[in-house]
Amino acid sequence: MDYSRLISRIAADKDSNRLGKIVRIESLIGKTVKKYKPYAMILVRKYFKKDVLVPVDVDKLIKVEGTYAWFNITKVEFDKEVKRLREIKTERDIYPGDVAVTRTRRGPVVDYLNLGHSRKERKR
């Protein structure tokens, strides 16, 4: 199925509550089966907060009509996913990981959250 027709549509849940705008379609690894599946990336904008891209499985698509695309999820499930992704995004913004030694000759920043960022090697 051609999912490119979903781009720039407004995503809604099964009760017709607005979730956000579909920005793009990406192939991501699934949660249970480790195969690439198409996901609709929904842009969620809240006032006074940063924007978040939330992936929703395209298999949950119910119908497409006009400027809307309905998914078989509830607003509560979607809000939980948004909250989880915001926490991950803020942790990465606050602690960018292990960085190289700065010019002030201080030691490297310690990766407190174990996000697993690798140190970039300098070219000599």
PDB file of N, CA and C in Angstrom:
ATOM      1  N   MET A   1       0.838  -1.180   0.000  1.00  0.00           N
ATOM      2  CA  MET A   1       0.000   0.000   0.000  1.00  0.00           C
ATOM      3  C   MET A   1       0.885   1.245   0.000  1.00  0.00           C
ATOM      4  N   ASP A   2       0.459   2.270  -0.689  1.00  0.00           N
ATOM      5  CA  ASP A   2       1.207   3.514  -0.783  1.00  0.00           C
ATOM      6  C   ASP A   2       0.815   4.422   0.385  1.00  0.00           C
ATOM      7  N   TYR A   3       1.738   4.551   1.339  1.00  0.00           N
ATOM      8  CA  TYR A   3       1.460   5.360   2.519  1.00  0.00           C
ATOM      9  C   TYR A   3       1.855   6.818   2.337  1.00  0.00           C
ATOM     10  N   SER A   4       2.396   7.178   1.179  1.00  0.00           N
ATOM     11  CA  SER A   4       2.803   8.565   0.971  1.00  0.00           C
ATOM     12  C   SER A   4       1.597   9.505   0.921  1.00  0.00           C
ATOM     13  N   ARG A   5       0.408   8.979   0.705  1.00  0.00           N
ATOM     14  CA  ARG A   5      -0.788   9.825   0.690  1.00  0.00           C
ATOM     15  C   ARG A   5      -1.185  10.282   2.091  1.00  0.00           C
ATOM     16  N   LEU A   6      -0.561   9.708   3.129  1.00  0.00           N
ATOM     17  CA  LEU A   6      -0.860  10.119   4.500  1.00  0.00           C
ATOM     18  C   LEU A   6      -0.116  11.388   4.914  1.00  0.00           C
ATOM     19  N   ILE A   7       0.942  11.719   4.188  1.00  0.00           N
ATOM     20  CA  ILE A   7       1.765  12.868   4.568  1.00  0.00           C
ATOM     21  C   ILE A   7       0.945  14.151   4.459  1.00  0.00           C
ATOM     22  N   SER A   8       1.116  15.016   5.445  1.00  0.00           N
ATOM     23  CA  SER A   8       0.447  16.319   5.607  1.00  0.00           C
ATOM     24  C   SER A   8      -1.038  16.185   5.952  1.00  0.00           C
ATOM     25  N   ARG A   9      -1.460  15.026   6.398  1.00  0.00           N
ATOM     26  CA  ARG A   9      -2.832  14.858   6.892  1.00  0.00           C
ATOM     27  C   ARG A   9      -2.846  15.006   8.406  1.00  0.00           C
ATOM     28  N   ILE A  10      -4.002  15.251   8.962  1.00  0.00           N
ATOM     29  CA  ILE A  10      -4.159  15.378  10.404  1.00  0.00           C
ATOM     30  C   ILE A  10      -4.532  14.010  10.960  1.00  0.00           C
ATOM     31  N   ALA A  11      -3.747  13.542  11.931  1.00  0.00           N
ATOM     32  CA  ALA A  11      -4.001  12.236  12.541  1.00  0.00           C
ATOM     33  C   ALA A  11      -5.042  12.386  13.646  1.00  0.00           C
ATOM     34  N   ALA A  12      -5.951  11.431  13.706  1.00  0.00           N
ATOM     35  CA  ALA A  12      -6.994  11.425  14.731  1.00  0.00           C
ATOM     36  C   ALA A  12      -7.121  10.012  15.287  1.00  0.00           C
ATOM     37  N   ASP A  13      -7.611   9.922  16.538  1.00  0.00           N
ATOM     38  CA  ASP A  13      -7.812   8.597  17.122  1.00  0.00           C
ATOM     39  C   ASP A  13      -9.180   8.065  16.710  1.00  0.00           C
ATOM     40  N   LYS A  14      -9.554   6.900  17.241  1.00  0.00           N
ATOM     41  CA  LYS A  14     -10.809   6.280  16.806  1.00  0.00           C
ATOM     42  C   LYS A  14     -12.041   7.028  17.294  1.00  0.00           C
ATOM     43  N   ASP A  15     -11.874   7.944  18.279  1.00  0.00           N
ATOM     44  CA  ASP A  15     -12.981   8.779  18.747  1.00  0.00           C
ATOM     45  C   ASP A  15     -12.958  10.159  18.103  1.00  0.00           C
ATOM     46  N   SER A  16     -12.175  10.323  17.038  1.00  0.00           N
ATOM     47  CA  SER A  16     -12.036  11.561  16.271  1.00  0.00           C
ATOM     48  C   SER A  16     -11.415  12.704  17.061  1.00  0.00           C
ATOM     49  N   ASN A  17     -10.570  12.387  18.038  1.00  0.00           N
ATOM     50  CA  ASN A  17      -9.795  13.417  18.729  1.00  0.00           C
ATOM     51  C   ASN A  17      -8.511  13.661  17.946  1.00  0.00           C
ATOM     52  N   ARG A  18      -8.144  14.925  17.796  1.00  0.00           N
ATOM     53  CA  ARG A  18      -6.961  15.287  17.011  1.00  0.00           C
ATOM     54  C   ARG A  18      -5.699  14.890  17.766  1.00  0.00           C
ATOM     55  N   LEU A  19      -4.773  14.190  17.069  1.00  0.00           N
ATOM     56  CA  LEU A  19      -3.511  13.778  17.668  1.00  0.00           C
ATOM     57  C   LEU A  19      -2.361  14.670  17.231  1.00  0.00           C
ATOM     58  N   GLY A  20      -2.304  15.013  15.981  1.00  0.00           N
ATOM     59  CA  GLY A  20      -1.226  15.829  15.445  1.00  0.00           C
ATOM     60  C   GLY A  20      -1.213  15.738  13.934  1.00  0.00           C
ATOM     61  N   LYS A  21      -0.134  16.243  13.339  1.00  0.00           N
ATOM     62  CA  LYS A  21      -0.012  16.242  11.887  1.00  0.00           C
ATOM     63  C   LYS A  21       1.025  15.210  11.459  1.00  0.00           C
ATOM     64  N   ILE A  22       0.704  14.422  10.436  1.00  0.00           N
ATOM     65  CA  ILE A  22       1.631  13.414   9.922  1.00  0.00           C
ATOM     66  C   ILE A  22       2.663  14.125   9.049  1.00  0.00           C
ATOM     67  N   VAL A  23       3.923  14.008   9.447  1.00  0.00           N
ATOM     68  CA  VAL A  23       4.996  14.718   8.764  1.00  0.00           C
ATOM     69  C   VAL A  23       5.659  13.843   7.713  1.00  0.00           C
ATOM     70  N   ARG A  24       5.941  12.579   8.065  1.00  0.00           N
ATOM     71  CA  ARG A  24       6.612  11.681   7.126  1.00  0.00           C
ATOM     72  C   ARG A  24       6.337  10.233   7.514  1.00  0.00           C
ATOM     73  N   ILE A  25       6.706   9.322   6.610  1.00  0.00           N
ATOM     74  CA  ILE A  25       6.594   7.884   6.837  1.00  0.00           C
ATOM     75  C   ILE A  25       8.012   7.328   6.892  1.00  0.00           C
ATOM     76  N   GLU A  26       8.332   6.602   7.969  1.00  0.00           N
ATOM     77  CA  GLU A  26       9.667   6.026   8.125  1.00  0.00           C
ATOM     78  C   GLU A  26       9.557   4.533   8.387  1.00  0.00           C
ATOM     79  N   SER A  27      10.590   3.809   7.995  1.00  0.00           N
ATOM     80  CA  SER A  27      10.684   2.382   8.297  1.00  0.00           C
ATOM     81  C   SER A  27      11.511   2.228   9.563  1.00  0.00           C
ATOM     82  N   LEU A  28      10.881   1.770  10.630  1.00  0.00           N
ATOM     83  CA  LEU A  28      11.545   1.574  11.912  1.00  0.00           C
ATOM     84  C   LEU A  28      11.424   0.117  12.324  1.00  0.00           C
ATOM     85  N   ILE A  29      12.281  -0.300  13.247  1.00  0.00           N
ATOM     86  CA  ILE A  29      12.222  -1.666  13.760  1.00  0.00           C
ATOM     87  C   ILE A  29      11.046  -1.770  14.723  1.00  0.00           C
ATOM     88  N   GLY A  30      10.249  -2.827  14.591  1.00  0.00           N
ATOM     89  CA  GLY A  30       9.086  -3.021  15.436  1.00  0.00           C
ATOM     90  C   GLY A  30       9.458  -3.336  16.873  1.00  0.00           C
ATOM     91  N   LYS A  31       8.476  -3.214  17.787  1.00  0.00           N
ATOM     92  CA  LYS A  31       8.735  -3.449  19.209  1.00  0.00           C
ATOM     93  C   LYS A  31       8.914  -4.931  19.517  1.00  0.00           C
ATOM     94  N   THR A  32       8.078  -5.789  18.944  1.00  0.00           N
ATOM     95  CA  THR A  32       8.154  -7.212  19.258  1.00  0.00           C
ATOM     96  C   THR A  32       8.954  -7.975  18.207  1.00  0.00           C
ATOM     97  N   VAL A  33       8.624  -7.795  16.957  1.00  0.00           N
ATOM     98  CA  VAL A  33       9.327  -8.474  15.872  1.00  0.00           C
ATOM     99  C   VAL A  33      10.397  -7.527  15.344  1.00  0.00           C
ATOM    100  N   LYS A  34      11.619  -7.997  15.251  1.00  0.00           N
ATOM    101  CA  LYS A  34      12.740  -7.149  14.848  1.00  0.00           C
ATOM    102  C   LYS A  34      12.841  -7.054  13.329  1.00  0.00           C
ATOM    103  N   LYS A  35      11.787  -6.567  12.700  1.00  0.00           N
ATOM    104  CA  LYS A  35      11.778  -6.317  11.266  1.00  0.00           C
ATOM    105  C   LYS A  35      11.355  -4.869  11.044  1.00  0.00           C
ATOM    106  N   TYR A  36      11.779  -4.325   9.920  1.00  0.00           N
ATOM    107  CA  TYR A  36      11.412  -2.948   9.603  1.00  0.00           C
ATOM    108  C   TYR A  36       9.956  -2.884   9.165  1.00  0.00           C
ATOM    109  N   LYS A  37       9.219  -1.952   9.774  1.00  0.00           N
ATOM    110  CA  LYS A  37       7.815  -1.741   9.457  1.00  0.00           C
ATOM    111  C   LYS A  37       7.604  -0.255   9.217  1.00  0.00           C
ATOM    112  N   PRO A  38       6.618   0.111   8.398  1.00  0.00           N
ATOM    113  CA  PRO A  38       6.367   1.542   8.181  1.00  0.00           C
ATOM    114  C   PRO A  38       5.637   2.158   9.382  1.00  0.00           C
ATOM    115  N   TYR A  39       6.103   3.316   9.793  1.00  0.00           N
ATOM    116  CA  TYR A  39       5.496   4.072  10.881  1.00  0.00           C
ATOM    117  C   TYR A  39       5.191   5.480  10.395  1.00  0.00           C
ATOM    118  N   ALA A  40       4.068   6.016  10.808  1.00  0.00           N
ATOM    119  CA  ALA A  40       3.720   7.405  10.516  1.00  0.00           C
ATOM    120  C   ALA A  40       4.284   8.268  11.636  1.00  0.00           C
ATOM    121  N   MET A  41       5.105   9.246  11.282  1.00  0.00           N
ATOM    122  CA  MET A  41       5.695  10.150  12.264  1.00  0.00           C
ATOM    123  C   MET A  41       4.748  11.331  12.442  1.00  0.00           C
ATOM    124  N   ILE A  42       4.155  11.422  13.635  1.00  0.00           N
ATOM    125  CA  ILE A  42       3.164  12.452  13.925  1.00  0.00           C
ATOM    126  C   ILE A  42       3.822  13.555  14.735  1.00  0.00           C
ATOM    127  N   LEU A  43       3.717  14.784  14.249  1.00  0.00           N
ATOM    128  CA  LEU A  43       4.280  15.944  14.929  1.00  0.00           C
ATOM    129  C   LEU A  43       3.261  16.466  15.929  1.00  0.00           C
ATOM    130  N   VAL A  44       3.655  16.476  17.216  1.00  0.00           N
ATOM    131  CA  VAL A  44       2.781  16.954  18.287  1.00  0.00           C
ATOM    132  C   VAL A  44       3.323  18.290  18.761  1.00  0.00           C
ATOM    133  N   ARG A  45       2.494  19.307  18.712  1.00  0.00           N
ATOM    134  CA  ARG A  45       2.879  20.643  19.170  1.00  0.00           C
ATOM    135  C   ARG A  45       2.019  21.025  20.360  1.00  0.00           C
ATOM    136  N   LYS A  46       2.687  21.402  21.442  1.00  0.00           N
ATOM    137  CA  LYS A  46       2.016  21.898  22.641  1.00  0.00           C
ATOM    138  C   LYS A  46       2.561  23.288  22.933  1.00  0.00           C
ATOM    139  N   TYR A  47       1.738  24.146  23.508  1.00  0.00           N
ATOM    140  CA  TYR A  47       2.174  25.496  23.837  1.00  0.00           C
ATOM    141  C   TYR A  47       3.235  25.466  24.925  1.00  0.00           C
ATOM    142  N   PHE A  48       4.277  26.271  24.762  1.00  0.00           N
ATOM    143  CA  PHE A  48       5.369  26.435  25.720  1.00  0.00           C
ATOM    144  C   PHE A  48       6.165  25.151  25.945  1.00  0.00           C
ATOM    145  N   LYS A  49       6.090  24.202  25.037  1.00  0.00           N
ATOM    146  CA  LYS A  49       6.870  22.971  25.120  1.00  0.00           C
ATOM    147  C   LYS A  49       7.480  22.692  23.758  1.00  0.00           C
ATOM    148  N   LYS A  50       8.499  21.855  23.745  1.00  0.00           N
ATOM    149  CA  LYS A  50       9.143  21.507  22.485  1.00  0.00           C
ATOM    150  C   LYS A  50       8.277  20.527  21.700  1.00  0.00           C
ATOM    151  N   ASP A  51       8.432  20.570  20.384  1.00  0.00           N
ATOM    152  CA  ASP A  51       7.698  19.658  19.514  1.00  0.00           C
ATOM    153  C   ASP A  51       8.287  18.253  19.620  1.00  0.00           C
ATOM    154  N   VAL A  52       7.413  17.255  19.467  1.00  0.00           N
ATOM    155  CA  VAL A  52       7.829  15.858  19.573  1.00  0.00           C
ATOM    156  C   VAL A  52       7.288  15.097  18.365  1.00  0.00           C
ATOM    157  N   LEU A  53       8.135  14.224  17.798  1.00  0.00           N
ATOM    158  CA  LEU A  53       7.699  13.315  16.741  1.00  0.00           C
ATOM    159  C   LEU A  53       7.368  11.963  17.362  1.00  0.00           C
ATOM    160  N   VAL A  54       6.143  11.512  17.171  1.00  0.00           N
ATOM    161  CA  VAL A  54       5.683  10.253  17.761  1.00  0.00           C
ATOM    162  C   VAL A  54       5.417   9.249  16.640  1.00  0.00           C
ATOM    163  N   PRO A  55       6.079   8.081  16.672  1.00  0.00           N
ATOM    164  CA  PRO A  55       5.801   7.071  15.644  1.00  0.00           C
ATOM    165  C   PRO A  55       4.545   6.263  15.984  1.00  0.00           C
ATOM    166  N   VAL A  56       3.687   6.095  14.984  1.00  0.00           N
ATOM    167  CA  VAL A  56       2.477   5.278  15.125  1.00  0.00           C
ATOM    168  C   VAL A  56       2.485   4.261  13.990  1.00  0.00           C
ATOM    169  N   ASP A  57       2.230   3.000  14.330  1.00  0.00           N
ATOM    170  CA  ASP A  57       2.240   1.925  13.343  1.00  0.00           C
ATOM    171  C   ASP A  57       1.152   2.178  12.292  1.00  0.00           C
ATOM    172  N   VAL A  58       1.535   2.086  11.025  1.00  0.00           N
ATOM    173  CA  VAL A  58       0.602   2.368   9.938  1.00  0.00           C
ATOM    174  C   VAL A  58      -0.444   1.260   9.819  1.00  0.00           C
ATOM    175  N   ASP A  59      -0.171   0.077  10.369  1.00  0.00           N
ATOM    176  CA  ASP A  59      -1.158  -1.003  10.337  1.00  0.00           C
ATOM    177  C   ASP A  59      -2.395  -0.669  11.171  1.00  0.00           C
ATOM    178  N   LYS A  60      -2.292   0.303  12.069  1.00  0.00           N
ATOM    179  CA  LYS A  60      -3.429   0.714  12.892  1.00  0.00           C
ATOM    180  C   LYS A  60      -4.327   1.725  12.184  1.00  0.00           C
ATOM    181  N   LEU A  61      -4.050   1.998  10.927  1.00  0.00           N
ATOM    182  CA  LEU A  61      -4.836   2.956  10.155  1.00  0.00           C
ATOM    183  C   LEU A  61      -6.230   2.394   9.887  1.00  0.00           C
ATOM    184  N   ILE A  62      -7.265   3.167  10.207  1.00  0.00           N
ATOM    185  CA  ILE A  62      -8.642   2.737   9.971  1.00  0.00           C
ATOM    186  C   ILE A  62      -9.130   3.235   8.616  1.00  0.00           C
ATOM    187  N   LYS A  63      -9.076   4.567   8.427  1.00  0.00           N
ATOM    188  CA  LYS A  63      -9.519   5.118   7.146  1.00  0.00           C
ATOM    189  C   LYS A  63      -8.888   6.483   6.919  1.00  0.00           C
ATOM    190  N   VAL A  64      -8.884   6.886   5.658  1.00  0.00           N
ATOM    191  CA  VAL A  64      -8.377   8.193   5.245  1.00  0.00           C
ATOM    192  C   VAL A  64      -9.487   8.882   4.478  1.00  0.00           C
ATOM    193  N   GLU A  65      -9.845  10.082   4.924  1.00  0.00           N
ATOM    194  CA  GLU A  65     -10.921  10.808   4.265  1.00  0.00           C
ATOM    195  C   GLU A  65     -10.668  12.302   4.410  1.00  0.00           C
ATOM    196  N   GLY A  66     -10.616  13.005   3.298  1.00  0.00           N
ATOM    197  CA  GLY A  66     -10.381  14.447   3.335  1.00  0.00           C
ATOM    198  C   GLY A  66      -8.985  14.756   3.842  1.00  0.00           C
ATOM    199  N   THR A  67      -8.899  15.598   4.857  1.00  0.00           N
ATOM    200  CA  THR A  67      -7.595  15.961   5.424  1.00  0.00           C
ATOM    201  C   THR A  67      -7.281  15.165   6.678  1.00  0.00           C
ATOM    202  N   TYR A  68      -8.105  14.187   7.024  1.00  0.00           N
ATOM    203  CA  TYR A  68      -7.917  13.409   8.251  1.00  0.00           C
ATOM    204  C   TYR A  68      -7.536  11.964   7.949  1.00  0.00           C
ATOM    205  N   ALA A  69      -6.791  11.377   8.898  1.00  0.00           N
ATOM    206  CA  ALA A  69      -6.455   9.953   8.865  1.00  0.00           C
ATOM    207  C   ALA A  69      -6.729   9.406  10.260  1.00  0.00           C
ATOM    208  N   TRP A  70      -7.607   8.410  10.373  1.00  0.00           N
ATOM    209  CA  TRP A  70      -7.993   7.850  11.661  1.00  0.00           C
ATOM    210  C   TRP A  70      -7.175   6.604  11.961  1.00  0.00           C
ATOM    211  N   PHE A  71      -6.684   6.517  13.209  1.00  0.00           N
ATOM    212  CA  PHE A  71      -5.910   5.368  13.667  1.00  0.00           C
ATOM    213  C   PHE A  71      -6.671   4.652  14.777  1.00  0.00           C
ATOM    214  N   ASN A  72      -6.440   3.347  14.914  1.00  0.00           N
ATOM    215  CA  ASN A  72      -7.120   2.529  15.915  1.00  0.00           C
ATOM    216  C   ASN A  72      -6.367   2.583  17.248  1.00  0.00           C
ATOM    217  N   ILE A  73      -6.252   3.768  17.820  1.00  0.00           N
ATOM    218  CA  ILE A  73      -5.651   3.972  19.136  1.00  0.00           C
ATOM    219  C   ILE A  73      -6.513   4.973  19.889  1.00  0.00           C
ATOM    220  N   THR A  74      -6.309   5.049  21.190  1.00  0.00           N
ATOM    221  CA  THR A  74      -7.042   6.029  21.986  1.00  0.00           C
ATOM    222  C   THR A  74      -6.140   7.210  22.303  1.00  0.00           C
ATOM    223  N   LYS A  75      -6.757   8.301  22.705  1.00  0.00           N
ATOM    224  CA  LYS A  75      -6.001   9.504  23.059  1.00  0.00           C
ATOM    225  C   LYS A  75      -5.130   9.257  24.285  1.00  0.00           C
ATOM    226  N   VAL A  76      -5.592   8.417  25.220  1.00  0.00           N
ATOM    227  CA  VAL A  76      -4.830   8.120  26.439  1.00  0.00           C
ATOM    228  C   VAL A  76      -3.545   7.368  26.095  1.00  0.00           C
ATOM    229  N   GLU A  77      -3.634   6.351  25.234  1.00  0.00           N
ATOM    230  CA  GLU A  77      -2.443   5.608  24.803  1.00  0.00           C
ATOM    231  C   GLU A  77      -1.454   6.533  24.101  1.00  0.00           C
ATOM    232  N   PHE A  78      -1.976   7.393  23.246  1.00  0.00           N
ATOM    233  CA  PHE A  78      -1.113   8.306  22.503  1.00  0.00           C
ATOM    234  C   PHE A  78      -0.428   9.301  23.446  1.00  0.00           C
ATOM    235  N   ASP A  79      -1.159   9.811  24.435  1.00  0.00           N
ATOM    236  CA  ASP A  79      -0.568  10.758  25.390  1.00  0.00           C
ATOM    237  C   ASP A  79       0.512  10.100  26.238  1.00  0.00           C
ATOM    238  N   LYS A  80       0.343   8.814  26.578  1.00  0.00           N
ATOM    239  CA  LYS A  80       1.389   8.092  27.315  1.00  0.00           C
ATOM    240  C   LYS A  80       2.659   7.983  26.477  1.00  0.00           C
ATOM    241  N   GLU A  81       2.503   7.706  25.195  1.00  0.00           N
ATOM    242  CA  GLU A  81       3.656   7.606  24.304  1.00  0.00           C
ATOM    243  C   GLU A  81       4.338   8.967  24.141  1.00  0.00           C
ATOM    244  N   VAL A  82       3.550  10.034  24.044  1.00  0.00           N
ATOM    245  CA  VAL A  82       4.115  11.384  23.944  1.00  0.00           C
ATOM    246  C   VAL A  82       4.907  11.716  25.199  1.00  0.00           C
ATOM    247  N   LYS A  83       4.359  11.380  26.357  1.00  0.00           N
ATOM    248  CA  LYS A  83       5.038  11.660  27.623  1.00  0.00           C
ATOM    249  C   LYS A  83       6.352  10.885  27.716  1.00  0.00           C
ATOM    250  N   ARG A  84       6.347   9.628  27.307  1.00  0.00           N
ATOM    251  CA  ARG A  84       7.558   8.809  27.346  1.00  0.00           C
ATOM    252  C   ARG A  84       8.630   9.376  26.418  1.00  0.00           C
ATOM    253  N   LEU A  85       8.231   9.789  25.223  1.00  0.00           N
ATOM    254  CA  LEU A  85       9.196  10.331  24.268  1.00  0.00           C
ATOM    255  C   LEU A  85       9.727  11.691  24.710  1.00  0.00           C
ATOM    256  N   ARG A  86       8.905  12.499  25.382  1.00  0.00           N
ATOM    257  CA  ARG A  86       9.384  13.786  25.900  1.00  0.00           C
ATOM    258  C   ARG A  86      10.439  13.583  26.977  1.00  0.00           C
ATOM    259  N   GLU A  87      10.239  12.589  27.846  1.00  0.00           N
ATOM    260  CA  GLU A  87      11.225  12.317  28.893  1.00  0.00           C
ATOM    261  C   GLU A  87      12.553  11.881  28.283  1.00  0.00           C
ATOM    262  N   ILE A  88      12.502  11.039  27.264  1.00  0.00           N
ATOM    263  CA  ILE A  88      13.729  10.605  26.599  1.00  0.00           C
ATOM    264  C   ILE A  88      14.419  11.792  25.945  1.00  0.00           C
ATOM    265  N   LYS A  89      13.638  12.657  25.303  1.00  0.00           N
ATOM    266  CA  LYS A  89      14.220  13.804  24.612  1.00  0.00           C
ATOM    267  C   LYS A  89      14.855  14.781  25.595  1.00  0.00           C
ATOM    268  N   THR A  90      14.219  15.032  26.739  1.00  0.00           N
ATOM    269  CA  THR A  90      14.796  15.965  27.706  1.00  0.00           C
ATOM    270  C   THR A  90      16.039  15.388  28.356  1.00  0.00           C
ATOM    271  N   GLU A  91      16.076  14.073  28.595  1.00  0.00           N
ATOM    272  CA  GLU A  91      17.284  13.457  29.148  1.00  0.00           C
ATOM    273  C   GLU A  91      18.453  13.613  28.189  1.00  0.00           C
ATOM    274  N   ARG A  92      18.210  13.458  26.915  1.00  0.00           N
ATOM    275  CA  ARG A  92      19.288  13.608  25.933  1.00  0.00           C
ATOM    276  C   ARG A  92      19.696  15.064  25.771  1.00  0.00           C
ATOM    277  N   ASP A  93      18.759  15.999  25.953  1.00  0.00           N
ATOM    278  CA  ASP A  93      19.113  17.413  25.859  1.00  0.00           C
ATOM    279  C   ASP A  93      19.925  17.862  27.060  1.00  0.00           C
ATOM    280  N   ILE A  94      19.595  17.351  28.251  1.00  0.00           N
ATOM    281  CA  ILE A  94      20.299  17.763  29.466  1.00  0.00           C
ATOM    282  C   ILE A  94      21.673  17.122  29.529  1.00  0.00           C
ATOM    283  N   TYR A  95      21.755  15.823  29.314  1.00  0.00           N
ATOM    284  CA  TYR A  95      23.016  15.092  29.372  1.00  0.00           C
ATOM    285  C   TYR A  95      23.367  14.602  27.971  1.00  0.00           C
ATOM    286  N   PRO A  96      24.156  15.365  27.221  1.00  0.00           N
ATOM    287  CA  PRO A  96      24.453  14.949  25.854  1.00  0.00           C
ATOM    288  C   PRO A  96      25.405  13.772  25.757  1.00  0.00           C
ATOM    289  N   GLY A  97      25.856  13.260  26.889  1.00  0.00           N
ATOM    290  CA  GLY A  97      26.708  12.082  26.844  1.00  0.00           C
ATOM    291  C   GLY A  97      28.154  12.409  27.104  1.00  0.00           C
ATOM    292  N   ASP A  98      29.001  11.473  26.793  1.00  0.00           N
ATOM    293  CA  ASP A  98      30.427  11.588  27.042  1.00  0.00           C
ATOM    294  C   ASP A  98      31.050  12.455  25.951  1.00  0.00           C
ATOM    295  N   VAL A  99      31.620  13.594  26.336  1.00  0.00           N
ATOM    296  CA  VAL A  99      32.225  14.495  25.360  1.00  0.00           C
ATOM    297  C   VAL A  99      33.722  14.572  25.588  1.00  0.00           C
ATOM    298  N   ALA A 100      34.441  15.102  24.613  1.00  0.00           N
ATOM    299  CA  ALA A 100      35.901  15.183  24.691  1.00  0.00           C
ATOM    300  C   ALA A 100      36.324  16.258  25.693  1.00  0.00           C
ATOM    301  N   VAL A 101      37.607  16.265  26.033  1.00  0.00           N
ATOM    302  CA  VAL A 101      38.143  17.233  26.985  1.00  0.00           C
ATOM    303  C   VAL A 101      38.053  18.625  26.377  1.00  0.00           C
ATOM    304  N   THR A 102      37.561  19.579  27.166  1.00  0.00           N
ATOM    305  CA  THR A 102      37.396  20.938  26.670  1.00  0.00           C
ATOM    306  C   THR A 102      38.705  21.706  26.744  1.00  0.00           C
ATOM    307  N   ARG A 103      38.715  22.931  26.236  1.00  0.00           N
ATOM    308  CA  ARG A 103      39.931  23.739  26.209  1.00  0.00           C
ATOM    309  C   ARG A 103      40.329  24.235  27.590  1.00  0.00           C
ATOM    310  N   THR A 104      39.450  24.184  28.557  1.00  0.00           N
ATOM    311  CA  THR A 104      39.788  24.642  29.905  1.00  0.00           C
ATOM    312  C   THR A 104      40.511  23.566  30.692  1.00  0.00           C
ATOM    313  N   ARG A 105      40.831  22.467  30.044  1.00  0.00           N
ATOM    314  CA  ARG A 105      41.579  21.345  30.616  1.00  0.00           C
ATOM    315  C   ARG A 105      40.815  20.638  31.741  1.00  0.00           C
ATOM    316  N   ARG A 106      39.522  20.672  31.667  1.00  0.00           N
ATOM    317  CA  ARG A 106      38.715  19.894  32.613  1.00  0.00           C
ATOM    318  C   ARG A 106      38.535  18.483  32.061  1.00  0.00           C
ATOM    319  N   GLY A 107      38.154  17.580  32.917  1.00  0.00           N
ATOM    320  CA  GLY A 107      37.941  16.207  32.492  1.00  0.00           C
ATOM    321  C   GLY A 107      36.678  16.065  31.668  1.00  0.00           C
ATOM    322  N   PRO A 108      36.472  14.886  31.085  1.00  0.00           N
ATOM    323  CA  PRO A 108      35.271  14.677  30.274  1.00  0.00           C
ATOM    324  C   PRO A 108      34.015  14.621  31.137  1.00  0.00           C
ATOM    325  N   VAL A 109      32.893  14.933  30.526  1.00  0.00           N
ATOM    326  CA  VAL A 109      31.607  14.864  31.204  1.00  0.00           C
ATOM    327  C   VAL A 109      31.220  13.397  31.340  1.00  0.00           C
ATOM    328  N   VAL A 110      30.746  13.012  32.511  1.00  0.00           N
ATOM    329  CA  VAL A 110      30.395  11.620  32.775  1.00  0.00           C
ATOM    330  C   VAL A 110      28.973  11.362  32.292  1.00  0.00           C
ATOM    331  N   ASP A 111      28.769  10.218  31.702  1.00  0.00           N
ATOM    332  CA  ASP A 111      27.452   9.823  31.211  1.00  0.00           C
ATOM    333  C   ASP A 111      26.669   9.222  32.376  1.00  0.00           C
ATOM    334  N   TYR A 112      25.901  10.050  33.088  1.00  0.00           N
ATOM    335  CA  TYR A 112      25.194   9.605  34.281  1.00  0.00           C
ATOM    336  C   TYR A 112      24.018   8.692  33.973  1.00  0.00           C
ATOM    337  N   LEU A 113      23.390   8.877  32.834  1.00  0.00           N
ATOM    338  CA  LEU A 113      22.191   8.106  32.517  1.00  0.00           C
ATOM    339  C   LEU A 113      22.481   6.862  31.693  1.00  0.00           C
ATOM    340  N   ASN A 114      23.753   6.617  31.370  1.00  0.00           N
ATOM    341  CA  ASN A 114      24.148   5.461  30.561  1.00  0.00           C
ATOM    342  C   ASN A 114      23.403   5.411  29.231  1.00  0.00           C
ATOM    343  N   LEU A 115      23.387   6.545  28.543  1.00  0.00           N
ATOM    344  CA  LEU A 115      22.730   6.586  27.245  1.00  0.00           C
ATOM    345  C   LEU A 115      23.569   5.925  26.163  1.00  0.00           C
ATOM    346  N   GLY A 116      24.845   5.683  26.463  1.00  0.00           N
ATOM    347  CA  GLY A 116      25.674   4.923  25.547  1.00  0.00           C
ATOM    348  C   GLY A 116      26.245   5.719  24.395  1.00  0.00           C
ATOM    349  N   HIS A 117      26.395   7.024  24.566  1.00  0.00           N
ATOM    350  CA  HIS A 117      27.013   7.805  23.505  1.00  0.00           C
ATOM    351  C   HIS A 117      28.513   7.541  23.508  1.00  0.00           C
ATOM    352  N   SER A 118      29.063   7.268  22.364  1.00  0.00           N
ATOM    353  CA  SER A 118      30.492   6.982  22.289  1.00  0.00           C
ATOM    354  C   SER A 118      31.272   8.276  22.090  1.00  0.00           C
ATOM    355  N   ARG A 119      32.486   8.304  22.590  1.00  0.00           N
ATOM    356  CA  ARG A 119      33.350   9.470  22.451  1.00  0.00           C
ATOM    357  C   ARG A 119      33.878   9.538  21.019  1.00  0.00           C
ATOM    358  N   LYS A 120      33.872  10.730  20.463  1.00  0.00           N
ATOM    359  CA  LYS A 120      34.385  10.910  19.113  1.00  0.00           C
ATOM    360  C   LYS A 120      35.903  11.043  19.177  1.00  0.00           C
ATOM    361  N   GLU A 121      36.586  10.325  18.316  1.00  0.00           N
ATOM    362  CA  GLU A 121      38.039  10.369  18.304  1.00  0.00           C
ATOM    363  C   GLU A 121      38.516  11.553  17.471  1.00  0.00           C
ATOM    364  N   ARG A 122      39.585  12.162  17.933  1.00  0.00           N
ATOM    365  CA  ARG A 122      40.159  13.283  17.208  1.00  0.00           C
ATOM    366  C   ARG A 122      41.027  12.767  16.072  1.00  0.00           C
ATOM    367  N   LYS A 123      41.012  13.498  14.972  1.00  0.00           N
ATOM    368  CA  LYS A 123      41.883  13.150  13.850  1.00  0.00           C
ATOM    369  C   LYS A 123      43.221  13.838  14.063  1.00  0.00           C
ATOM    370  N   ARG A 124      44.302  13.118  13.892  1.00  0.00           N
ATOM    371  CA  ARG A 124      45.636  13.708  14.063  1.00  0.00           C
ATOM    372  C   ARG A 124      46.334  13.779  12.747  1.00  0.00           C
TER     373      ARG A 124
END
